[in-house]
Amino acid sequence: MPWDLLVKDVPADHHHDLDYLIEMLDWDANTDPEFAEHRLFEPKPVCPAEQMQDAGYNENWVVVYSTSYYSAKELTCSRGYRHHPGSAAYGTILVQGWGSSVSTRWRRPR
């Protein structure tokens, strides 16, 4: 990783201050012997499981309730299900299967 990327969010006067950089780490949290017990979050369904199953999908929040800075969902679709992600920005990681984006209205600015 390039150094400038490592320190991009650090005040400029501390870019090469190794003591300052090390102090930024939360050592107690990162060396907690019960790390998983204190920080593991189980996925939570976005709506009742029966409702999703009838519609042909299963969707869980996997991060949203642990931070207000970002969120993540896990979506499993049955064959033939059409997912419309809405108008918010999103990224997709397709693990298995096939599909196409239904959000084709976005165009790169010229």
PDB file of N, CA and C in Angstrom:
ATOM      1  N   MET A   1       0.852  -1.159   0.000  1.00  0.00           N
ATOM      2  CA  MET A   1       0.000   0.000   0.000  1.00  0.00           C
ATOM      3  C   MET A   1       0.905   1.231   0.000  1.00  0.00           C
ATOM      4  N   PRO A   2       0.638   2.189  -0.873  1.00  0.00           N
ATOM      5  CA  PRO A   2       1.443   3.404  -0.903  1.00  0.00           C
ATOM      6  C   PRO A   2       1.277   4.212   0.391  1.00  0.00           C
ATOM      7  N   TRP A   3       2.350   4.812   0.839  1.00  0.00           N
ATOM      8  CA  TRP A   3       2.343   5.582   2.088  1.00  0.00           C
ATOM      9  C   TRP A   3       1.300   6.691   2.053  1.00  0.00           C
ATOM     10  N   ASP A   4       1.188   7.409   0.929  1.00  0.00           N
ATOM     11  CA  ASP A   4       0.240   8.526   0.867  1.00  0.00           C
ATOM     12  C   ASP A   4      -1.202   8.046   1.034  1.00  0.00           C
ATOM     13  N   LEU A   5      -1.505   6.832   0.609  1.00  0.00           N
ATOM     14  CA  LEU A   5      -2.839   6.279   0.825  1.00  0.00           C
ATOM     15  C   LEU A   5      -3.040   5.906   2.290  1.00  0.00           C
ATOM     16  N   LEU A   6      -1.990   5.407   2.926  1.00  0.00           N
ATOM     17  CA  LEU A   6      -2.058   5.045   4.335  1.00  0.00           C
ATOM     18  C   LEU A   6      -2.352   6.258   5.221  1.00  0.00           C
ATOM     19  N   VAL A   7      -1.795   7.416   4.888  1.00  0.00           N
ATOM     20  CA  VAL A   7      -1.923   8.597   5.751  1.00  0.00           C
ATOM     21  C   VAL A   7      -2.863   9.663   5.178  1.00  0.00           C
ATOM     22  N   LYS A   8      -3.666   9.314   4.185  1.00  0.00           N
ATOM     23  CA  LYS A   8      -4.513  10.320   3.521  1.00  0.00           C
ATOM     24  C   LYS A   8      -5.508  10.999   4.466  1.00  0.00           C
ATOM     25  N   ASP A   9      -5.922  10.356   5.540  1.00  0.00           N
ATOM     26  CA  ASP A   9      -6.881  10.940   6.475  1.00  0.00           C
ATOM     27  C   ASP A   9      -6.223  11.407   7.770  1.00  0.00           C
ATOM     28  N   VAL A  10      -4.918  11.498   7.769  1.00  0.00           N
ATOM     29  CA  VAL A  10      -4.142  11.936   8.930  1.00  0.00           C
ATOM     30  C   VAL A  10      -3.719  13.384   8.696  1.00  0.00           C
ATOM     31  N   PRO A  11      -3.761  14.219   9.722  1.00  0.00           N
ATOM     32  CA  PRO A  11      -3.298  15.607   9.542  1.00  0.00           C
ATOM     33  C   PRO A  11      -1.887  15.628   8.932  1.00  0.00           C
ATOM     34  N   ALA A  12      -1.660  16.540   7.995  1.00  0.00           N
ATOM     35  CA  ALA A  12      -0.406  16.591   7.237  1.00  0.00           C
ATOM     36  C   ALA A  12       0.833  16.652   8.134  1.00  0.00           C
ATOM     37  N   ASP A  13       0.744  17.366   9.242  1.00  0.00           N
ATOM     38  CA  ASP A  13       1.917  17.486  10.106  1.00  0.00           C
ATOM     39  C   ASP A  13       2.236  16.185  10.855  1.00  0.00           C
ATOM     40  N   HIS A  14       1.402  15.164  10.729  1.00  0.00           N
ATOM     41  CA  HIS A  14       1.647  13.875  11.394  1.00  0.00           C
ATOM     42  C   HIS A  14       1.886  12.738  10.394  1.00  0.00           C
ATOM     43  N   HIS A  15       2.025  13.047   9.110  1.00  0.00           N
ATOM     44  CA  HIS A  15       2.194  11.996   8.094  1.00  0.00           C
ATOM     45  C   HIS A  15       3.382  11.084   8.346  1.00  0.00           C
ATOM     46  N   HIS A  16       4.436  11.588   8.967  1.00  0.00           N
ATOM     47  CA  HIS A  16       5.616  10.758   9.225  1.00  0.00           C
ATOM     48  C   HIS A  16       5.898  10.617  10.714  1.00  0.00           C
ATOM     49  N   ASP A  17       4.904  10.894  11.530  1.00  0.00           N
ATOM     50  CA  ASP A  17       5.028  10.770  12.981  1.00  0.00           C
ATOM     51  C   ASP A  17       4.517   9.380  13.381  1.00  0.00           C
ATOM     52  N   LEU A  18       5.423   8.407  13.454  1.00  0.00           N
ATOM     53  CA  LEU A  18       5.026   7.026  13.722  1.00  0.00           C
ATOM     54  C   LEU A  18       4.352   6.857  15.083  1.00  0.00           C
ATOM     55  N   ASP A  19       4.789   7.623  16.075  1.00  0.00           N
ATOM     56  CA  ASP A  19       4.138   7.536  17.390  1.00  0.00           C
ATOM     57  C   ASP A  19       2.673   7.957  17.282  1.00  0.00           C
ATOM     58  N   TYR A  20       2.399   9.027  16.560  1.00  0.00           N
ATOM     59  CA  TYR A  20       1.023   9.504  16.368  1.00  0.00           C
ATOM     60  C   TYR A  20       0.197   8.433  15.646  1.00  0.00           C
ATOM     61  N   LEU A  21       0.760   7.854  14.601  1.00  0.00           N
ATOM     62  CA  LEU A  21       0.036   6.845  13.821  1.00  0.00           C
ATOM     63  C   LEU A  21      -0.282   5.608  14.656  1.00  0.00           C
ATOM     64  N   ILE A  22       0.669   5.150  15.454  1.00  0.00           N
ATOM     65  CA  ILE A  22       0.446   3.982  16.307  1.00  0.00           C
ATOM     66  C   ILE A  22      -0.604   4.278  17.377  1.00  0.00           C
ATOM     67  N   GLU A  23      -0.599   5.493  17.904  1.00  0.00           N
ATOM     68  CA  GLU A  23      -1.578   5.879  18.926  1.00  0.00           C
ATOM     69  C   GLU A  23      -3.004   5.917  18.371  1.00  0.00           C
ATOM     70  N   MET A  24      -3.155   6.018  17.058  1.00  0.00           N
ATOM     71  CA  MET A  24      -4.489   6.033  16.454  1.00  0.00           C
ATOM     72  C   MET A  24      -5.173   4.674  16.565  1.00  0.00           C
ATOM     73  N   LEU A  25      -4.395   3.606  16.723  1.00  0.00           N
ATOM     74  CA  LEU A  25      -4.968   2.265  16.812  1.00  0.00           C
ATOM     75  C   LEU A  25      -5.639   2.047  18.163  1.00  0.00           C
ATOM     76  N   ASP A  26      -6.748   1.343  18.139  1.00  0.00           N
ATOM     77  CA  ASP A  26      -7.451   0.983  19.373  1.00  0.00           C
ATOM     78  C   ASP A  26      -6.928  -0.384  19.806  1.00  0.00           C
ATOM     79  N   TRP A  27      -5.829  -0.358  20.568  1.00  0.00           N
ATOM     80  CA  TRP A  27      -5.166  -1.599  20.954  1.00  0.00           C
ATOM     81  C   TRP A  27      -6.050  -2.480  21.816  1.00  0.00           C
ATOM     82  N   ASP A  28      -6.815  -1.884  22.730  1.00  0.00           N
ATOM     83  CA  ASP A  28      -7.662  -2.704  23.604  1.00  0.00           C
ATOM     84  C   ASP A  28      -8.702  -3.470  22.787  1.00  0.00           C
ATOM     85  N   ALA A  29      -9.324  -2.795  21.840  1.00  0.00           N
ATOM     86  CA  ALA A  29     -10.338  -3.457  21.016  1.00  0.00           C
ATOM     87  C   ALA A  29      -9.724  -4.535  20.131  1.00  0.00           C
ATOM     88  N   ASN A  30      -8.559  -4.256  19.562  1.00  0.00           N
ATOM     89  CA  ASN A  30      -7.947  -5.193  18.627  1.00  0.00           C
ATOM     90  C   ASN A  30      -7.251  -6.371  19.288  1.00  0.00           C
ATOM     91  N   THR A  31      -7.007  -6.301  20.568  1.00  0.00           N
ATOM     92  CA  THR A  31      -6.391  -7.426  21.266  1.00  0.00           C
ATOM     93  C   THR A  31      -7.346  -8.074  22.265  1.00  0.00           C
ATOM     94  N   ASP A  32      -8.615  -7.738  22.164  1.00  0.00           N
ATOM     95  CA  ASP A  32      -9.646  -8.299  23.033  1.00  0.00           C
ATOM     96  C   ASP A  32      -9.740  -9.813  22.803  1.00  0.00           C
ATOM     97  N   PRO A  33      -9.483 -10.649  23.818  1.00  0.00           N
ATOM     98  CA  PRO A  33      -9.557 -12.096  23.629  1.00  0.00           C
ATOM     99  C   PRO A  33     -10.972 -12.582  23.317  1.00  0.00           C
ATOM    100  N   GLU A  34     -11.969 -11.781  23.619  1.00  0.00           N
ATOM    101  CA  GLU A  34     -13.354 -12.134  23.311  1.00  0.00           C
ATOM    102  C   GLU A  34     -13.893 -11.204  22.218  1.00  0.00           C
ATOM    103  N   PHE A  35     -13.040 -10.943  21.225  1.00  0.00           N
ATOM    104  CA  PHE A  35     -13.369 -10.010  20.147  1.00  0.00           C
ATOM    105  C   PHE A  35     -14.707 -10.350  19.485  1.00  0.00           C
ATOM    106  N   ALA A  36     -14.901 -11.600  19.092  1.00  0.00           N
ATOM    107  CA  ALA A  36     -16.131 -12.001  18.400  1.00  0.00           C
ATOM    108  C   ALA A  36     -17.354 -11.854  19.293  1.00  0.00           C
ATOM    109  N   GLU A  37     -17.238 -12.205  20.564  1.00  0.00           N
ATOM    110  CA  GLU A  37     -18.385 -12.080  21.474  1.00  0.00           C
ATOM    111  C   GLU A  37     -18.823 -10.633  21.634  1.00  0.00           C
ATOM    112  N   HIS A  38     -17.887  -9.713  21.591  1.00  0.00           N
ATOM    113  CA  HIS A  38     -18.207  -8.295  21.783  1.00  0.00           C
ATOM    114  C   HIS A  38     -18.541  -7.566  20.489  1.00  0.00           C
ATOM    115  N   ARG A  39     -18.161  -8.116  19.334  1.00  0.00           N
ATOM    116  CA  ARG A  39     -18.312  -7.357  18.095  1.00  0.00           C
ATOM    117  C   ARG A  39     -18.988  -8.091  16.941  1.00  0.00           C
ATOM    118  N   LEU A  40     -19.325  -9.359  17.105  1.00  0.00           N
ATOM    119  CA  LEU A  40     -19.955 -10.116  16.032  1.00  0.00           C
ATOM    120  C   LEU A  40     -21.446  -9.794  15.980  1.00  0.00           C
ATOM    121  N   PHE A  41     -21.910  -9.414  14.811  1.00  0.00           N
ATOM    122  CA  PHE A  41     -23.327  -9.108  14.624  1.00  0.00           C
ATOM    123  C   PHE A  41     -23.928 -10.129  13.674  1.00  0.00           C
ATOM    124  N   GLU A  42     -24.998 -10.746  14.091  1.00  0.00           N
ATOM    125  CA  GLU A  42     -25.699 -11.701  13.237  1.00  0.00           C
ATOM    126  C   GLU A  42     -26.563 -10.933  12.235  1.00  0.00           C
ATOM    127  N   PRO A  43     -26.700 -11.451  11.014  1.00  0.00           N
ATOM    128  CA  PRO A  43     -27.569 -10.798  10.027  1.00  0.00           C
ATOM    129  C   PRO A  43     -29.003 -10.687  10.539  1.00  0.00           C
ATOM    130  N   LYS A  44     -29.678  -9.581  10.184  1.00  0.00           N
ATOM    131  CA  LYS A  44     -31.077  -9.370  10.576  1.00  0.00           C
ATOM    132  C   LYS A  44     -31.927  -9.231   9.315  1.00  0.00           C
ATOM    133  N   PRO A  45     -33.027  -9.963   9.232  1.00  0.00           N
ATOM    134  CA  PRO A  45     -33.904  -9.880   8.055  1.00  0.00           C
ATOM    135  C   PRO A  45     -34.450  -8.466   7.869  1.00  0.00           C
ATOM    136  N   VAL A  46     -34.581  -8.028   6.601  1.00  0.00           N
ATOM    137  CA  VAL A  46     -35.124  -6.697   6.339  1.00  0.00           C
ATOM    138  C   VAL A  46     -36.639  -6.656   6.523  1.00  0.00           C
ATOM    139  N   CYS A  47     -37.292  -7.815   6.418  1.00  0.00           N
ATOM    140  CA  CYS A  47     -38.729  -7.938   6.673  1.00  0.00           C
ATOM    141  C   CYS A  47     -38.999  -9.403   7.033  1.00  0.00           C
ATOM    142  N   PRO A  48     -40.229  -9.753   7.397  1.00  0.00           N
ATOM    143  CA  PRO A  48     -40.501 -11.138   7.797  1.00  0.00           C
ATOM    144  C   PRO A  48     -40.076 -12.160   6.736  1.00  0.00           C
ATOM    145  N   ALA A  49     -39.456 -13.253   7.184  1.00  0.00           N
ATOM    146  CA  ALA A  49     -38.927 -14.276   6.281  1.00  0.00           C
ATOM    147  C   ALA A  49     -40.001 -14.849   5.361  1.00  0.00           C
ATOM    148  N   GLU A  50     -41.201 -15.051   5.877  1.00  0.00           N
ATOM    149  CA  GLU A  50     -42.283 -15.619   5.068  1.00  0.00           C
ATOM    150  C   GLU A  50     -42.626 -14.697   3.896  1.00  0.00           C
ATOM    151  N   GLN A  51     -42.643 -13.400   4.143  1.00  0.00           N
ATOM    152  CA  GLN A  51     -42.952 -12.415   3.101  1.00  0.00           C
ATOM    153  C   GLN A  51     -41.884 -12.455   1.998  1.00  0.00           C
ATOM    154  N   MET A  52     -40.627 -12.553   2.387  1.00  0.00           N
ATOM    155  CA  MET A  52     -39.548 -12.603   1.398  1.00  0.00           C
ATOM    156  C   MET A  52     -39.576 -13.911   0.625  1.00  0.00           C
ATOM    157  N   GLN A  53     -39.816 -15.007   1.308  1.00  0.00           N
ATOM    158  CA  GLN A  53     -39.844 -16.314   0.649  1.00  0.00           C
ATOM    159  C   GLN A  53     -40.951 -16.354  -0.404  1.00  0.00           C
ATOM    160  N   ASP A  54     -42.129 -15.818  -0.065  1.00  0.00           N
ATOM    161  CA  ASP A  54     -43.238 -15.785  -1.020  1.00  0.00           C
ATOM    162  C   ASP A  54     -42.899 -14.939  -2.238  1.00  0.00           C
ATOM    163  N   ALA A  55     -42.083 -13.891  -2.052  1.00  0.00           N
ATOM    164  CA  ALA A  55     -41.707 -13.001  -3.147  1.00  0.00           C
ATOM    165  C   ALA A  55     -40.520 -13.536  -3.954  1.00  0.00           C
ATOM    166  N   GLY A  56     -39.803 -14.542  -3.430  1.00  0.00           N
ATOM    167  CA  GLY A  56     -38.715 -15.155  -4.181  1.00  0.00           C
ATOM    168  C   GLY A  56     -37.321 -14.657  -3.839  1.00  0.00           C
ATOM    169  N   TYR A  57     -37.148 -14.112  -2.662  1.00  0.00           N
ATOM    170  CA  TYR A  57     -35.822 -13.642  -2.272  1.00  0.00           C
ATOM    171  C   TYR A  57     -35.642 -13.736  -0.765  1.00  0.00           C
ATOM    172  N   ASN A  58     -34.415 -13.543  -0.316  1.00  0.00           N
ATOM    173  CA  ASN A  58     -34.096 -13.453   1.107  1.00  0.00           C
ATOM    174  C   ASN A  58     -33.078 -12.330   1.245  1.00  0.00           C
ATOM    175  N   GLU A  59     -33.351 -11.347   2.105  1.00  0.00           N
ATOM    176  CA  GLU A  59     -32.477 -10.187   2.237  1.00  0.00           C
ATOM    177  C   GLU A  59     -32.237  -9.884   3.711  1.00  0.00           C
ATOM    178  N   ASN A  60     -30.975  -9.714   4.069  1.00  0.00           N
ATOM    179  CA  ASN A  60     -30.594  -9.450   5.456  1.00  0.00           C
ATOM    180  C   ASN A  60     -29.689  -8.229   5.549  1.00  0.00           C
ATOM    181  N   TRP A  61     -29.897  -7.438   6.592  1.00  0.00           N
ATOM    182  CA  TRP A  61     -28.932  -6.397   6.942  1.00  0.00           C
ATOM    183  C   TRP A  61     -27.765  -7.110   7.596  1.00  0.00           C
ATOM    184  N   VAL A  62     -26.543  -6.815   7.179  1.00  0.00           N
ATOM    185  CA  VAL A  62     -25.389  -7.455   7.793  1.00  0.00           C
ATOM    186  C   VAL A  62     -24.477  -6.462   8.507  1.00  0.00           C
ATOM    187  N   VAL A  63     -24.673  -5.159   8.304  1.00  0.00           N
ATOM    188  CA  VAL A  63     -23.811  -4.172   8.945  1.00  0.00           C
ATOM    189  C   VAL A  63     -24.565  -2.976   9.499  1.00  0.00           C
ATOM    190  N   VAL A  64     -25.648  -2.575   8.923  1.00  0.00           N
ATOM    191  CA  VAL A  64     -26.280  -1.280   9.187  1.00  0.00           C
ATOM    192  C   VAL A  64     -26.494  -0.934  10.654  1.00  0.00           C
ATOM    193  N   TYR A  65     -26.785  -1.901  11.476  1.00  0.00           N
ATOM    194  CA  TYR A  65     -27.108  -1.605  12.871  1.00  0.00           C
ATOM    195  C   TYR A  65     -25.874  -1.460  13.755  1.00  0.00           C
ATOM    196  N   SER A  66     -24.674  -1.636  13.206  1.00  0.00           N
ATOM    197  CA  SER A  66     -23.472  -1.487  14.027  1.00  0.00           C
ATOM    198  C   SER A  66     -22.756  -0.157  13.800  1.00  0.00           C
ATOM    199  N   THR A  67     -23.146   0.605  12.794  1.00  0.00           N
ATOM    200  CA  THR A  67     -22.499   1.884  12.504  1.00  0.00           C
ATOM    201  C   THR A  67     -23.456   2.784  11.742  1.00  0.00           C
ATOM    202  N   SER A  68     -23.254   4.075  11.830  1.00  0.00           N
ATOM    203  CA  SER A  68     -24.092   5.008  11.068  1.00  0.00           C
ATOM    204  C   SER A  68     -23.367   5.516   9.829  1.00  0.00           C
ATOM    205  N   TYR A  69     -22.154   5.025   9.553  1.00  0.00           N
ATOM    206  CA  TYR A  69     -21.355   5.517   8.432  1.00  0.00           C
ATOM    207  C   TYR A  69     -21.577   4.751   7.132  1.00  0.00           C
ATOM    208  N   TYR A  70     -21.983   3.500   7.204  1.00  0.00           N
ATOM    209  CA  TYR A  70     -22.193   2.695   6.011  1.00  0.00           C
ATOM    210  C   TYR A  70     -23.122   1.540   6.368  1.00  0.00           C
ATOM    211  N   SER A  71     -23.582   0.848   5.367  1.00  0.00           N
ATOM    212  CA  SER A  71     -24.437  -0.309   5.604  1.00  0.00           C
ATOM    213  C   SER A  71     -24.134  -1.373   4.553  1.00  0.00           C
ATOM    214  N   ALA A  72     -24.610  -2.570   4.805  1.00  0.00           N
ATOM    215  CA  ALA A  72     -24.444  -3.656   3.840  1.00  0.00           C
ATOM    216  C   ALA A  72     -25.603  -4.626   3.990  1.00  0.00           C
ATOM    217  N   LYS A  73     -26.045  -5.140   2.850  1.00  0.00           N
ATOM    218  CA  LYS A  73     -27.098  -6.147   2.848  1.00  0.00           C
ATOM    219  C   LYS A  73     -26.625  -7.359   2.068  1.00  0.00           C
ATOM    220  N   GLU A  74     -27.206  -8.483   2.408  1.00  0.00           N
ATOM    221  CA  GLU A  74     -26.954  -9.740   1.718  1.00  0.00           C
ATOM    222  C   GLU A  74     -28.277 -10.122   1.065  1.00  0.00           C
ATOM    223  N   LEU A  75     -28.263 -10.321  -0.243  1.00  0.00           N
ATOM    224  CA  LEU A  75     -29.480 -10.626  -0.981  1.00  0.00           C
ATOM    225  C   LEU A  75     -29.319 -11.945  -1.723  1.00  0.00           C
ATOM    226  N   THR A  76     -30.233 -12.864  -1.490  1.00  0.00           N
ATOM    227  CA  THR A  76     -30.263 -14.132  -2.214  1.00  0.00           C
ATOM    228  C   THR A  76     -31.564 -14.174  -2.997  1.00  0.00           C
ATOM    229  N   CYS A  77     -31.462 -14.338  -4.309  1.00  0.00           N
ATOM    230  CA  CYS A  77     -32.642 -14.307  -5.179  1.00  0.00           C
ATOM    231  C   CYS A  77     -32.937 -15.681  -5.757  1.00  0.00           C
ATOM    232  N   SER A  78     -34.217 -15.989  -5.866  1.00  0.00           N
ATOM    233  CA  SER A  78     -34.645 -17.193  -6.563  1.00  0.00           C
ATOM    234  C   SER A  78     -34.686 -16.896  -8.054  1.00  0.00           C
ATOM    235  N   ARG A  79     -34.627 -17.953  -8.869  1.00  0.00           N
ATOM    236  CA  ARG A  79     -34.695 -17.770 -10.313  1.00  0.00           C
ATOM    237  C   ARG A  79     -35.957 -16.982 -10.685  1.00  0.00           C
ATOM    238  N   GLY A  80     -35.785 -15.975 -11.509  1.00  0.00           N
ATOM    239  CA  GLY A  80     -36.910 -15.185 -11.975  1.00  0.00           C
ATOM    240  C   GLY A  80     -37.221 -13.955 -11.130  1.00  0.00           C
ATOM    241  N   TYR A  81     -36.602 -13.821  -9.962  1.00  0.00           N
ATOM    242  CA  TYR A  81     -36.841 -12.651  -9.113  1.00  0.00           C
ATOM    243  C   TYR A  81     -36.167 -11.435  -9.710  1.00  0.00           C
ATOM    244  N   ARG A  82     -36.873 -10.300  -9.707  1.00  0.00           N
ATOM    245  CA  ARG A  82     -36.304  -9.045 -10.207  1.00  0.00           C
ATOM    246  C   ARG A  82     -36.113  -8.104  -9.029  1.00  0.00           C
ATOM    247  N   HIS A  83     -34.884  -7.678  -8.842  1.00  0.00           N
ATOM    248  CA  HIS A  83     -34.552  -6.787  -7.727  1.00  0.00           C
ATOM    249  C   HIS A  83     -34.348  -5.372  -8.242  1.00  0.00           C
ATOM    250  N   HIS A  84     -35.015  -4.420  -7.625  1.00  0.00           N
ATOM    251  CA  HIS A  84     -34.880  -3.001  -7.973  1.00  0.00           C
ATOM    252  C   HIS A  84     -34.257  -2.295  -6.772  1.00  0.00           C
ATOM    253  N   PRO A  85     -32.984  -1.939  -6.858  1.00  0.00           N
ATOM    254  CA  PRO A  85     -32.281  -1.403  -5.695  1.00  0.00           C
ATOM    255  C   PRO A  85     -32.711  -0.020  -5.251  1.00  0.00           C
ATOM    256  N   GLY A  86     -33.470   0.703  -6.029  1.00  0.00           N
ATOM    257  CA  GLY A  86     -33.896   2.044  -5.625  1.00  0.00           C
ATOM    258  C   GLY A  86     -32.965   3.108  -6.182  1.00  0.00           C
ATOM    259  N   SER A  87     -33.029   4.293  -5.613  1.00  0.00           N
ATOM    260  CA  SER A  87     -32.286   5.420  -6.177  1.00  0.00           C
ATOM    261  C   SER A  87     -30.986   5.723  -5.447  1.00  0.00           C
ATOM    262  N   ALA A  88     -30.688   5.030  -4.373  1.00  0.00           N
ATOM    263  CA  ALA A  88     -29.456   5.295  -3.623  1.00  0.00           C
ATOM    264  C   ALA A  88     -28.253   4.662  -4.323  1.00  0.00           C
ATOM    265  N   ALA A  89     -27.076   5.178  -4.051  1.00  0.00           N
ATOM    266  CA  ALA A  89     -25.850   4.595  -4.594  1.00  0.00           C
ATOM    267  C   ALA A  89     -25.642   3.213  -3.985  1.00  0.00           C
ATOM    268  N   TYR A  90     -25.135   2.288  -4.775  1.00  0.00           N
ATOM    269  CA  TYR A  90     -24.888   0.950  -4.256  1.00  0.00           C
ATOM    270  C   TYR A  90     -23.826   0.258  -5.093  1.00  0.00           C
ATOM    271  N   GLY A  91     -23.251  -0.764  -4.539  1.00  0.00           N
ATOM    272  CA  GLY A  91     -22.316  -1.622  -5.252  1.00  0.00           C
ATOM    273  C   GLY A  91     -22.803  -3.048  -5.135  1.00  0.00           C
ATOM    274  N   THR A  92     -22.441  -3.874  -6.087  1.00  0.00           N
ATOM    275  CA  THR A  92     -22.894  -5.259  -6.098  1.00  0.00           C
ATOM    276  C   THR A  92     -21.711  -6.203  -6.215  1.00  0.00           C
ATOM    277  N   ILE A  93     -21.735  -7.245  -5.431  1.00  0.00           N
ATOM    278  CA  ILE A  93     -20.772  -8.333  -5.573  1.00  0.00           C
ATOM    279  C   ILE A  93     -21.593  -9.584  -5.837  1.00  0.00           C
ATOM    280  N   LEU A  94     -21.490 -10.120  -7.030  1.00  0.00           N
ATOM    281  CA  LEU A  94     -22.236 -11.317  -7.404  1.00  0.00           C
ATOM    282  C   LEU A  94     -21.369 -12.529  -7.099  1.00  0.00           C
ATOM    283  N   VAL A  95     -21.847 -13.384  -6.218  1.00  0.00           N
ATOM    284  CA  VAL A  95     -21.055 -14.523  -5.776  1.00  0.00           C
ATOM    285  C   VAL A  95     -21.287 -15.731  -6.670  1.00  0.00           C
ATOM    286  N   GLN A  96     -22.508 -15.934  -7.103  1.00  0.00           N
ATOM    287  CA  GLN A  96     -22.801 -17.087  -7.938  1.00  0.00           C
ATOM    288  C   GLN A  96     -24.040 -16.776  -8.754  1.00  0.00           C
ATOM    289  N   GLY A  97     -24.131 -17.320  -9.941  1.00  0.00           N
ATOM    290  CA  GLY A  97     -25.324 -17.146 -10.750  1.00  0.00           C
ATOM    291  C   GLY A  97     -25.127 -16.122 -11.846  1.00  0.00           C
ATOM    292  N   TRP A  98     -26.204 -15.524 -12.274  1.00  0.00           N
ATOM    293  CA  TRP A  98     -26.141 -14.547 -13.347  1.00  0.00           C
ATOM    294  C   TRP A  98     -27.188 -13.490 -13.090  1.00  0.00           C
ATOM    295  N   GLY A  99     -27.095 -12.404 -13.813  1.00  0.00           N
ATOM    296  CA  GLY A  99     -28.070 -11.336 -13.673  1.00  0.00           C
ATOM    297  C   GLY A  99     -27.648 -10.137 -14.482  1.00  0.00           C
ATOM    298  N   SER A 100     -28.470  -9.118 -14.451  1.00  0.00           N
ATOM    299  CA  SER A 100     -28.127  -7.875 -15.132  1.00  0.00           C
ATOM    300  C   SER A 100     -28.644  -6.735 -14.285  1.00  0.00           C
ATOM    301  N   SER A 101     -28.045  -5.588 -14.470  1.00  0.00           N
ATOM    302  CA  SER A 101     -28.441  -4.417 -13.699  1.00  0.00           C
ATOM    303  C   SER A 101     -29.771  -3.895 -14.203  1.00  0.00           C
ATOM    304  N   VAL A 102     -30.656  -3.551 -13.276  1.00  0.00           N
ATOM    305  CA  VAL A 102     -31.924  -2.944 -13.665  1.00  0.00           C
ATOM    306  C   VAL A 102     -31.849  -1.428 -13.543  1.00  0.00           C
ATOM    307  N   SER A 103     -30.717  -0.924 -13.065  1.00  0.00           N
ATOM    308  CA  SER A 103     -30.526   0.523 -12.930  1.00  0.00           C
ATOM    309  C   SER A 103     -29.656   1.015 -14.066  1.00  0.00           C
ATOM    310  N   THR A 104     -30.236   1.155 -15.233  1.00  0.00           N
ATOM    311  CA  THR A 104     -29.463   1.554 -16.411  1.00  0.00           C
ATOM    312  C   THR A 104     -29.658   3.021 -16.751  1.00  0.00           C
ATOM    313  N   ARG A 105     -30.342   3.764 -15.904  1.00  0.00           N
ATOM    314  CA  ARG A 105     -30.599   5.174 -16.206  1.00  0.00           C
ATOM    315  C   ARG A 105     -29.383   6.050 -15.948  1.00  0.00           C
ATOM    316  N   TRP A 106     -28.406   5.564 -15.195  1.00  0.00           N
ATOM    317  CA  TRP A 106     -27.235   6.368 -14.855  1.00  0.00           C
ATOM    318  C   TRP A 106     -26.342   6.502 -16.077  1.00  0.00           C
ATOM    319  N   ARG A 107     -25.887   7.694 -16.328  1.00  0.00           N
ATOM    320  CA  ARG A 107     -24.957   7.946 -17.421  1.00  0.00           C
ATOM    321  C   ARG A 107     -23.778   8.739 -16.887  1.00  0.00           C
ATOM    322  N   ARG A 108     -22.597   8.438 -17.387  1.00  0.00           N
ATOM    323  CA  ARG A 108     -21.390   9.174 -17.000  1.00  0.00           C
ATOM    324  C   ARG A 108     -21.490  10.604 -17.538  1.00  0.00           C
ATOM    325  N   PRO A 109     -21.178  11.609 -16.694  1.00  0.00           N
ATOM    326  CA  PRO A 109     -21.200  13.008 -17.151  1.00  0.00           C
ATOM    327  C   PRO A 109     -20.205  13.204 -18.295  1.00  0.00           C
ATOM    328  N   ARG A 110     -20.549  14.060 -19.234  1.00  0.00           N
ATOM    329  CA  ARG A 110     -19.650  14.334 -20.373  1.00  0.00           C
ATOM    330  C   ARG A 110     -18.839  15.571 -20.134  1.00  0.00           C
TER     331      ARG A 110
END
